[in-house]
Amino acid sequence: MTPQPLTPAPPVTLALVGAGLRGLTYARHAHATGAGRITVLAEPDPARRAAAAAEFGVPPERVYPHWDALAAAGRQADAAIIATQDRMHTAPAVALAATGHHLLVEKPMAAEESEAERIAEAAERHGVLLAVCHVLRYTPYTRALKALLDEGRIGRLVGAEHLEPVGWWHFAHSFVRGNWRRSDTSGPLLLTKACHDLDWLVHLFGRTPRTVTSYGRRGHFRPEGAPPGAADRCTDCAVEPDCPYSAPRLYLGCLGEPRREFWPLSAVTTRATEAGVMDALRTGPYGRCVYACDNDVVDHQVVAMEFADGATATFTVSAFTPMGDRRTRLFGTHGHIEGDGAILRVTDFRTGREELVEPAGGAPEGGHGGGDLALTEAFLAAVATGDRSLLLSGPRVSLATHRLVWAAERARALGAPVDVP
């Protein structure tokens, strides 16, 4: 008897709430895999809304200028991607959970602890899946590293050092001139940039720490850091050619490179021409001098954690680095692992041997070392099958790692250790 070909499962239908950089990233991955399809869209910016509707073929009657109109229409898709600005996650997530949408929520989960609790409770109350985009858990590199730890290759994990090298120009773009420059409109740096990293360390240790302390400040990007002769805008500045944070150098250098025109240039202007860039720098936020902005987030921070069994971990996030992969050292009772985001160097104390471990498949393409794509695939599969185990963190785990971030911020403000909830 000739076997009949399997009928492919229909794609998971998705509501895209926020058609900015991160929303488009997940939406495009979903379309590229064939496992997901954007069928409804909410985006307040008319140009972004029109472009996304055209790209994904969303009919006009399913395109909304605001998420509340989408939610009022009832359940129109299997799941929703919540990719609004950080302080705008809670209301659409809670409303769409109530209408039965499974939720893929960009990190951070919310800007305040009480709001993150509301999102987790809404997902549990309405029985929908909730995946916060802790994409570092899903990379091939992380899977290889976690397997080494779970196999006991370095014995008991007793310590970790982890570095997030934000990069001087990336920090200036996003956290001095850009949308994440202020705690009151977005959140502290540890939340908006580095909740990835504290979540990742918890994933490696398999538990949250008992206590945490932290130190950090806005030490450089402030008026007194400006060189003599600096102007309020790069386009008017006599010292701009010699400044490492020159906006014309950064953004004009993106022209002709599709990936860099998508990011970071698309945040600056929709006109990818020299005239378009210079017009935006003369009038918009990305042309401001980094020493004359309204930013208040820290530009370097260290977090120290102690676990109940005495294990420790430190995490450093810094603007003053080249932009690159995260660097990690793990200390075990029987060995040591050093990783650079691509290769793991494992030293066995019992034999003295060193081994280089490369994740299966080599270096993956896509954002966050393949984590963006892997998370999208896992979420779509979980929605399609109802198998929650495909997601590496659920509502309560994500809430717990966010609480670690808020505890660290309290410790930084107090200058003293804080117990972790």
Protein backbone atom coordinates (compact mmCIF):
# COMPACT_ATOMS: atom_id res chain seq x y z
CA MET A 1 0.00 0.00 0.00
CA THR A 2 1.44 3.36 -1.01
CA PRO A 3 1.90 5.64 2.01
CA GLN A 4 -0.14 8.80 1.75
CA PRO A 5 1.75 12.09 2.09
CA LEU A 6 1.22 13.84 5.40
CA THR A 7 -0.91 16.95 5.25
CA PRO A 8 1.12 19.84 6.66
CA ALA A 9 -0.33 21.46 9.75
CA PRO A 10 -1.92 24.84 9.09
CA PRO A 11 0.24 27.75 10.21
CA VAL A 12 -0.37 29.33 13.59
CA THR A 13 -2.18 32.62 13.07
CA LEU A 14 -0.64 35.62 14.79
CA ALA A 15 -1.69 39.11 15.81
CA LEU A 16 1.26 41.50 15.64
CA VAL A 17 0.97 44.25 18.25
CA GLY A 18 3.79 46.66 17.49
CA ALA A 19 5.53 46.60 14.11
CA GLY A 20 8.90 47.97 15.22
CA LEU A 21 12.27 46.22 15.07
CA ARG A 22 11.53 43.39 17.49
CA GLY A 23 7.97 42.77 16.33
CA LEU A 24 9.07 42.55 12.71
CA THR A 25 11.92 40.22 13.67
CA TYR A 26 9.61 37.61 15.20
CA ALA A 27 6.96 38.10 12.51
CA ARG A 28 9.46 37.57 9.71
CA HIS A 29 10.87 34.47 11.36
CA ALA A 30 7.35 33.07 11.73
CA HIS A 31 6.59 33.68 8.06
CA ALA A 32 9.96 32.33 6.92
CA THR A 33 9.45 29.01 8.72
CA GLY A 34 5.97 28.61 7.27
CA ALA A 35 4.73 27.67 10.74
CA GLY A 36 3.20 31.07 11.48
CA ARG A 37 1.34 33.78 9.63
CA ILE A 38 0.47 37.36 10.58
CA THR A 39 -3.27 37.74 10.06
CA VAL A 40 -4.03 40.83 12.14
CA LEU A 41 -1.97 43.90 12.99
CA ALA A 42 -2.01 46.85 15.42
CA GLU A 43 0.55 49.65 15.02
CA PRO A 44 0.07 53.37 15.79
CA ASP A 45 2.63 54.74 13.33
CA PRO A 46 0.92 55.07 9.91
CA ALA A 47 4.05 54.39 7.84
CA ARG A 48 5.05 51.31 9.84
CA ARG A 49 1.46 50.10 9.89
CA ALA A 50 1.10 50.36 6.11
CA ALA A 51 4.48 48.75 5.44
CA ALA A 52 3.82 45.80 7.76
CA ALA A 53 0.31 45.24 6.38
CA ALA A 54 1.71 45.15 2.84
CA GLU A 55 4.62 42.88 3.77
CA PHE A 56 2.47 40.27 5.49
CA GLY A 57 -0.65 40.63 3.33
CA VAL A 58 -2.95 41.62 6.19
CA PRO A 59 -6.35 42.77 4.83
CA PRO A 60 -7.41 46.35 5.67
CA GLU A 61 -10.28 45.24 7.91
CA ARG A 62 -7.75 43.50 10.18
CA VAL A 63 -5.33 46.42 10.44
CA TYR A 64 -5.76 48.65 13.51
CA PRO A 65 -4.07 51.85 14.69
CA HIS A 66 -4.28 50.72 18.32
CA TRP A 67 -4.32 47.40 20.14
CA ASP A 68 -7.54 48.16 22.06
CA ALA A 69 -9.60 48.06 18.85
CA LEU A 70 -7.99 44.73 18.04
CA ALA A 71 -8.83 43.35 21.49
CA ALA A 72 -12.40 44.65 21.28
CA ALA A 73 -12.93 42.59 18.13
CA GLY A 74 -12.41 39.36 20.08
CA ARG A 75 -10.08 36.51 19.28
CA GLN A 76 -8.85 36.92 15.70
CA ALA A 77 -5.70 34.78 15.85
CA ASP A 78 -4.24 31.83 17.72
CA ALA A 79 -1.57 33.97 19.42
CA ALA A 80 -0.31 37.52 19.75
CA ILE A 81 3.18 38.99 19.56
CA ILE A 82 3.38 41.86 22.07
CA ALA A 83 6.21 44.08 20.83
CA THR A 84 5.13 47.56 21.92
CA GLN A 85 7.45 49.86 23.86
CA ASP A 86 8.48 48.43 27.24
CA ARG A 87 5.98 50.39 29.35
CA MET A 88 3.12 49.43 27.04
CA HIS A 89 3.21 45.63 27.36
CA THR A 90 0.81 45.10 30.24
CA ALA A 91 -2.55 46.35 28.95
CA PRO A 92 -2.48 44.55 25.57
CA ALA A 93 -1.06 41.36 27.08
CA VAL A 94 -3.77 41.19 29.75
CA ALA A 95 -6.57 42.07 27.30
CA LEU A 96 -5.48 39.62 24.62
CA ALA A 97 -4.99 36.82 27.14
CA ALA A 98 -8.60 37.41 28.21
CA THR A 99 -9.74 36.87 24.61
CA GLY A 100 -7.84 33.57 24.42
CA HIS A 101 -4.68 34.58 22.58
CA HIS A 102 -1.47 32.80 23.52
CA LEU A 103 1.23 35.40 24.20
CA LEU A 104 4.77 35.97 22.96
CA VAL A 105 5.91 39.04 24.94
CA GLU A 106 9.09 40.89 24.13
CA LYS A 107 11.44 41.40 27.06
CA PRO A 108 11.29 42.99 29.52
CA MET A 109 8.01 41.45 30.58
CA ALA A 110 6.92 44.81 32.06
CA ALA A 111 8.51 47.91 33.50
CA GLU A 112 7.13 47.39 37.03
CA GLU A 113 6.92 44.30 39.22
CA SER A 114 3.18 44.67 39.82
CA GLU A 115 2.53 44.81 36.08
CA ALA A 116 4.61 41.70 35.40
CA GLU A 117 2.53 39.94 38.06
CA ARG A 118 -0.65 41.01 36.23
CA ILE A 119 0.59 39.52 32.96
CA ALA A 120 1.57 36.21 34.56
CA GLU A 121 -1.73 35.98 36.43
CA ALA A 122 -3.75 36.78 33.29
CA ALA A 123 -2.01 34.01 31.33
CA GLU A 124 -2.63 31.50 34.12
CA ARG A 125 -6.21 32.58 34.70
CA HIS A 126 -7.17 32.26 31.04
CA GLY A 127 -5.11 29.13 30.38
CA VAL A 128 -2.98 30.60 27.59
CA LEU A 129 0.70 30.05 26.88
CA LEU A 130 3.04 32.88 27.82
CA ALA A 131 6.60 33.06 26.53
CA VAL A 132 8.71 36.08 27.43
CA CYS A 133 11.42 36.59 24.82
CA HIS A 134 14.41 35.43 26.84
CA VAL A 135 16.02 34.40 23.58
CA LEU A 136 19.44 33.59 25.08
CA ARG A 137 17.97 30.41 26.57
CA TYR A 138 17.25 29.10 23.07
CA THR A 139 20.57 29.52 21.28
CA PRO A 140 22.58 26.43 20.18
CA TYR A 141 25.45 27.86 22.24
CA THR A 142 23.35 27.89 25.42
CA ARG A 143 21.98 24.42 24.75
CA ALA A 144 25.53 23.08 24.40
CA LEU A 145 26.67 24.85 27.56
CA LYS A 146 23.67 23.70 29.61
CA ALA A 147 24.26 20.13 28.45
CA LEU A 148 27.87 20.26 29.70
CA LEU A 149 26.72 21.50 33.10
CA ASP A 150 23.88 18.97 33.36
CA GLU A 151 26.29 16.15 32.47
CA GLY A 152 28.52 17.18 35.37
CA ARG A 153 31.48 17.91 33.12
CA ILE A 154 32.88 20.47 35.59
CA GLY A 155 31.38 19.01 38.75
CA ARG A 156 29.28 21.29 40.91
CA LEU A 157 28.93 24.83 39.57
CA VAL A 158 30.26 27.13 42.30
CA GLY A 159 30.85 30.42 40.49
CA ALA A 160 30.35 32.45 37.33
CA GLU A 161 31.63 35.64 35.75
CA HIS A 162 29.52 37.03 32.91
CA LEU A 163 30.04 40.15 30.76
CA GLU A 164 27.58 41.93 28.47
CA PRO A 165 29.70 44.18 26.20
CA VAL A 166 27.04 46.57 24.92
CA GLY A 167 29.44 48.45 22.63
CA TRP A 168 30.18 52.17 22.68
CA TRP A 169 28.15 53.09 19.60
CA HIS A 170 25.24 50.74 20.41
CA PHE A 171 24.98 52.24 23.87
CA ALA A 172 24.97 55.78 22.46
CA HIS A 173 22.31 54.80 19.91
CA SER A 174 19.87 53.00 22.21
CA PHE A 175 20.59 54.17 25.74
CA VAL A 176 21.75 57.77 25.39
CA ARG A 177 19.94 59.09 22.31
CA GLY A 178 17.33 56.38 21.85
CA ASN A 179 14.14 54.98 23.32
CA TRP A 180 15.79 53.29 26.33
CA ARG A 181 17.67 56.31 27.66
CA ARG A 182 15.40 57.06 30.64
CA SER A 183 14.12 54.94 33.50
CA ASP A 184 10.82 56.81 33.71
CA THR A 185 9.88 56.28 30.04
CA SER A 186 11.38 52.81 29.60
CA GLY A 187 13.23 51.28 32.54
CA PRO A 188 16.67 50.92 34.11
CA LEU A 189 19.45 49.50 31.92
CA LEU A 190 19.54 46.28 33.94
CA LEU A 191 15.90 45.66 33.00
CA THR A 192 15.73 46.86 29.40
CA LYS A 193 19.09 45.50 28.24
CA ALA A 194 20.31 42.94 30.72
CA CYS A 195 17.26 41.06 32.04
CA HIS A 196 18.38 38.64 29.29
CA ASP A 197 21.60 38.02 31.18
CA LEU A 198 20.30 37.55 34.72
CA ASP A 199 17.64 35.19 33.34
CA TRP A 200 20.41 33.29 31.51
CA LEU A 201 22.52 32.90 34.65
CA VAL A 202 19.48 31.60 36.56
CA HIS A 203 18.94 29.14 33.69
CA LEU A 204 22.52 27.86 34.00
CA PHE A 205 22.42 27.51 37.80
CA GLY A 206 18.89 26.09 37.74
CA ARG A 207 17.70 28.33 40.60
CA THR A 208 17.48 31.95 41.67
CA PRO A 209 20.06 33.41 44.07
CA ARG A 210 19.35 34.13 47.73
CA THR A 211 20.83 37.62 47.90
CA VAL A 212 22.03 40.22 45.42
CA THR A 213 23.95 43.48 45.50
CA SER A 214 24.82 45.90 42.73
CA TYR A 215 26.80 49.04 41.90
CA GLY A 216 26.63 51.31 38.87
CA ARG A 217 26.11 54.88 37.74
CA ARG A 218 25.86 57.25 34.80
CA GLY A 219 29.50 58.18 34.90
CA HIS A 220 30.34 59.49 31.42
CA PHE A 221 27.32 60.50 29.34
CA ARG A 222 26.57 63.74 31.16
CA PRO A 223 27.27 67.43 30.45
CA GLU A 224 30.58 67.53 32.32
CA GLY A 225 31.88 64.72 30.08
CA ALA A 226 31.70 66.87 26.94
CA PRO A 227 35.00 67.90 25.32
CA PRO A 228 35.75 71.64 25.00
CA GLY A 229 33.98 73.17 22.02
CA ALA A 230 31.22 70.54 21.82
CA ALA A 231 27.84 71.64 20.47
CA ASP A 232 24.39 70.31 21.31
CA ARG A 233 24.16 68.56 17.92
CA CYS A 234 26.74 66.63 15.93
CA THR A 235 25.78 68.52 12.77
CA ASP A 236 26.88 71.81 14.38
CA CYS A 237 29.90 70.53 16.29
CA ALA A 238 33.52 71.49 15.62
CA VAL A 239 34.89 68.46 17.50
CA GLU A 240 32.52 65.91 15.89
CA PRO A 241 35.17 64.41 13.53
CA ASP A 242 37.27 63.32 16.52
CA CYS A 243 34.39 62.13 18.73
CA PRO A 244 33.84 58.37 19.10
CA TYR A 245 30.09 59.03 19.30
CA SER A 246 29.81 60.96 16.02
CA ALA A 247 26.26 60.48 14.71
CA PRO A 248 27.12 61.30 11.05
CA ARG A 249 29.92 58.73 11.09
CA LEU A 250 27.69 56.05 12.58
CA TYR A 251 24.52 56.55 10.56
CA LEU A 252 25.97 57.54 7.18
CA GLY A 253 28.11 54.42 7.49
CA CYS A 254 24.95 52.30 7.49
CA LEU A 255 23.96 53.34 3.97
CA GLY A 256 24.26 50.58 1.38
CA GLU A 257 24.29 47.80 3.98
CA PRO A 258 20.80 46.23 4.23
CA ARG A 259 21.27 44.77 7.70
CA ARG A 260 22.50 48.07 9.14
CA GLU A 261 19.81 50.00 7.29
CA PHE A 262 17.27 47.78 9.10
CA TRP A 263 19.07 48.38 12.39
CA PRO A 264 20.15 50.83 13.67
CA LEU A 265 19.30 53.22 10.80
CA SER A 266 15.56 52.48 10.63
CA ALA A 267 15.20 53.95 14.12
CA VAL A 268 16.69 57.22 12.87
CA THR A 269 14.91 57.73 9.53
CA THR A 270 12.74 55.96 6.97
CA ARG A 271 14.76 57.67 4.20
CA ALA A 272 17.89 55.60 3.67
CA THR A 273 19.76 58.31 1.75
CA GLU A 274 22.48 60.75 2.72
CA ALA A 275 19.98 63.62 2.62
CA GLY A 276 17.47 61.65 4.69
CA VAL A 277 20.06 60.80 7.34
CA MET A 278 21.40 64.34 7.63
CA ASP A 279 17.88 65.82 7.85
CA ALA A 280 17.09 63.42 10.71
CA LEU A 281 20.32 64.26 12.52
CA ARG A 282 19.64 68.01 12.29
CA THR A 283 16.19 67.73 13.86
CA GLY A 284 15.71 64.35 15.53
CA PRO A 285 16.94 62.75 18.76
CA TYR A 286 19.71 60.70 17.15
CA GLY A 287 21.67 63.80 16.12
CA ARG A 288 22.04 65.07 19.67
CA CYS A 289 25.39 65.26 21.41
CA VAL A 290 25.69 62.32 23.80
CA TYR A 291 26.73 64.81 26.49
CA ALA A 292 23.60 66.95 25.99
CA CYS A 293 20.77 64.40 26.10
CA ASP A 294 18.09 63.80 28.73
CA ASN A 295 19.36 60.30 29.53
CA ASP A 296 19.56 58.99 33.10
CA VAL A 297 20.30 55.25 32.88
CA VAL A 298 23.63 53.90 34.12
CA ASP A 299 26.42 53.38 31.61
CA HIS A 300 28.16 50.62 33.58
CA GLN A 301 26.94 48.28 36.31
CA VAL A 302 28.05 45.20 38.21
CA VAL A 303 25.74 42.71 39.96
CA ALA A 304 26.92 40.16 42.53
CA MET A 305 24.74 37.21 43.55
CA GLU A 306 24.96 34.52 46.24
CA PHE A 307 22.98 31.29 46.10
CA ALA A 308 21.72 29.31 49.09
CA ASP A 309 24.51 26.72 48.75
CA GLY A 310 27.24 29.39 48.72
CA ALA A 311 27.72 29.50 44.94
CA THR A 312 28.30 33.00 43.56
CA ALA A 313 27.93 34.81 40.26
CA THR A 314 28.90 38.26 39.02
CA PHE A 315 27.53 40.09 36.03
CA THR A 316 28.94 43.22 34.38
CA VAL A 317 27.20 45.34 31.72
CA SER A 318 29.23 48.15 30.17
CA ALA A 319 28.96 50.76 27.44
CA PHE A 320 32.72 51.04 27.17
CA THR A 321 33.50 48.03 24.98
CA PRO A 322 33.43 46.99 21.36
CA MET A 323 30.02 45.54 20.49
CA GLY A 324 30.36 41.78 20.60
CA ASP A 325 29.17 38.49 22.01
CA ARG A 326 28.81 37.98 25.72
CA ARG A 327 31.79 36.47 27.56
CA THR A 328 31.44 33.95 30.38
CA ARG A 329 33.65 31.99 32.78
CA LEU A 330 32.12 29.16 34.81
CA PHE A 331 33.93 27.65 37.81
CA GLY A 332 33.20 24.08 38.90
CA THR A 333 34.61 21.72 41.46
CA HIS A 334 36.03 19.47 38.70
CA GLY A 335 36.57 21.86 35.84
CA HIS A 336 36.24 25.23 34.17
CA ILE A 337 34.40 26.52 31.10
CA GLU A 338 35.18 29.71 29.23
CA GLY A 339 32.84 30.86 26.46
CA ASP A 340 32.79 33.70 23.96
CA GLY A 341 29.30 33.22 22.54
CA ALA A 342 30.54 30.86 19.82
CA ILE A 343 33.08 28.38 21.25
CA LEU A 344 33.28 26.77 24.70
CA ARG A 345 36.71 25.92 26.12
CA VAL A 346 36.36 23.15 28.72
CA THR A 347 39.19 22.32 31.13
CA ASP A 348 39.00 19.06 33.13
CA PHE A 349 40.90 19.32 36.42
CA ARG A 350 41.10 15.54 36.73
CA THR A 351 42.98 15.00 33.46
CA GLY A 352 44.34 18.47 32.73
CA ARG A 353 42.91 18.24 29.25
CA GLU A 354 41.29 21.09 27.37
CA GLU A 355 38.50 20.56 24.86
CA LEU A 356 36.91 23.03 22.46
CA VAL A 357 33.17 22.50 22.13
CA GLU A 358 31.34 24.10 19.21
CA PRO A 359 27.54 23.99 19.21
CA ALA A 360 26.01 21.60 16.69
CA GLY A 361 25.58 23.23 13.31
CA GLY A 362 28.22 25.89 13.88
CA ALA A 363 27.47 29.58 14.10
CA PRO A 364 23.76 30.12 13.34
CA GLU A 365 22.38 33.04 11.39
CA GLY A 366 19.92 35.49 12.84
CA GLY A 367 19.73 37.72 15.86
CA HIS A 368 21.07 36.77 19.30
CA GLY A 369 23.08 33.84 18.01
CA GLY A 370 20.05 32.14 16.50
CA GLY A 371 17.97 32.66 19.63
CA ASP A 372 15.36 34.85 17.94
CA LEU A 373 14.58 32.16 15.38
CA ALA A 374 14.75 29.26 17.85
CA LEU A 375 12.38 30.97 20.28
CA THR A 376 9.92 31.76 17.47
CA GLU A 377 9.96 28.14 16.32
CA ALA A 378 9.51 26.84 19.88
CA PHE A 379 6.59 29.18 20.55
CA LEU A 380 4.81 28.29 17.31
CA ALA A 381 5.29 24.57 17.99
CA ALA A 382 3.99 24.94 21.54
CA VAL A 383 0.88 26.76 20.31
CA ALA A 384 0.29 24.25 17.52
CA THR A 385 0.66 21.19 19.77
CA GLY A 386 -0.32 22.52 23.20
CA ASP A 387 3.01 21.21 24.54
CA ARG A 388 4.17 23.73 27.16
CA SER A 389 7.44 21.84 27.68
CA LEU A 390 8.72 23.23 24.38
CA LEU A 391 9.03 26.62 26.10
CA LEU A 392 12.13 26.95 28.31
CA SER A 393 10.48 29.38 30.71
CA GLY A 394 6.86 29.92 31.66
CA PRO A 395 5.10 32.80 33.42
CA ARG A 396 6.38 32.08 36.93
CA VAL A 397 10.00 31.50 35.89
CA SER A 398 10.06 34.71 33.86
CA LEU A 399 8.45 36.59 36.74
CA ALA A 400 11.09 35.22 39.14
CA THR A 401 14.04 36.31 36.97
CA HIS A 402 12.51 39.76 36.51
CA ARG A 403 12.16 40.00 40.29
CA LEU A 404 15.90 39.34 40.51
CA VAL A 405 16.46 42.40 38.28
CA TRP A 406 14.27 44.61 40.47
CA ALA A 407 16.00 43.31 43.60
CA ALA A 408 19.38 44.19 42.08
CA GLU A 409 18.15 47.69 41.27
CA ARG A 410 16.96 48.12 44.86
CA ALA A 411 20.38 46.98 46.04
CA ARG A 412 22.09 49.52 43.76
CA ALA A 413 19.92 52.32 45.12
CA LEU A 414 20.55 51.26 48.72
CA GLY A 415 24.24 50.42 48.32
CA ALA A 416 23.61 47.22 50.29
CA PRO A 417 22.66 43.55 49.68
CA VAL A 418 18.98 42.73 49.17
CA ASP A 419 17.19 39.41 49.63
CA VAL A 420 15.75 38.07 46.38
CA PRO A 421 11.98 37.30 46.47
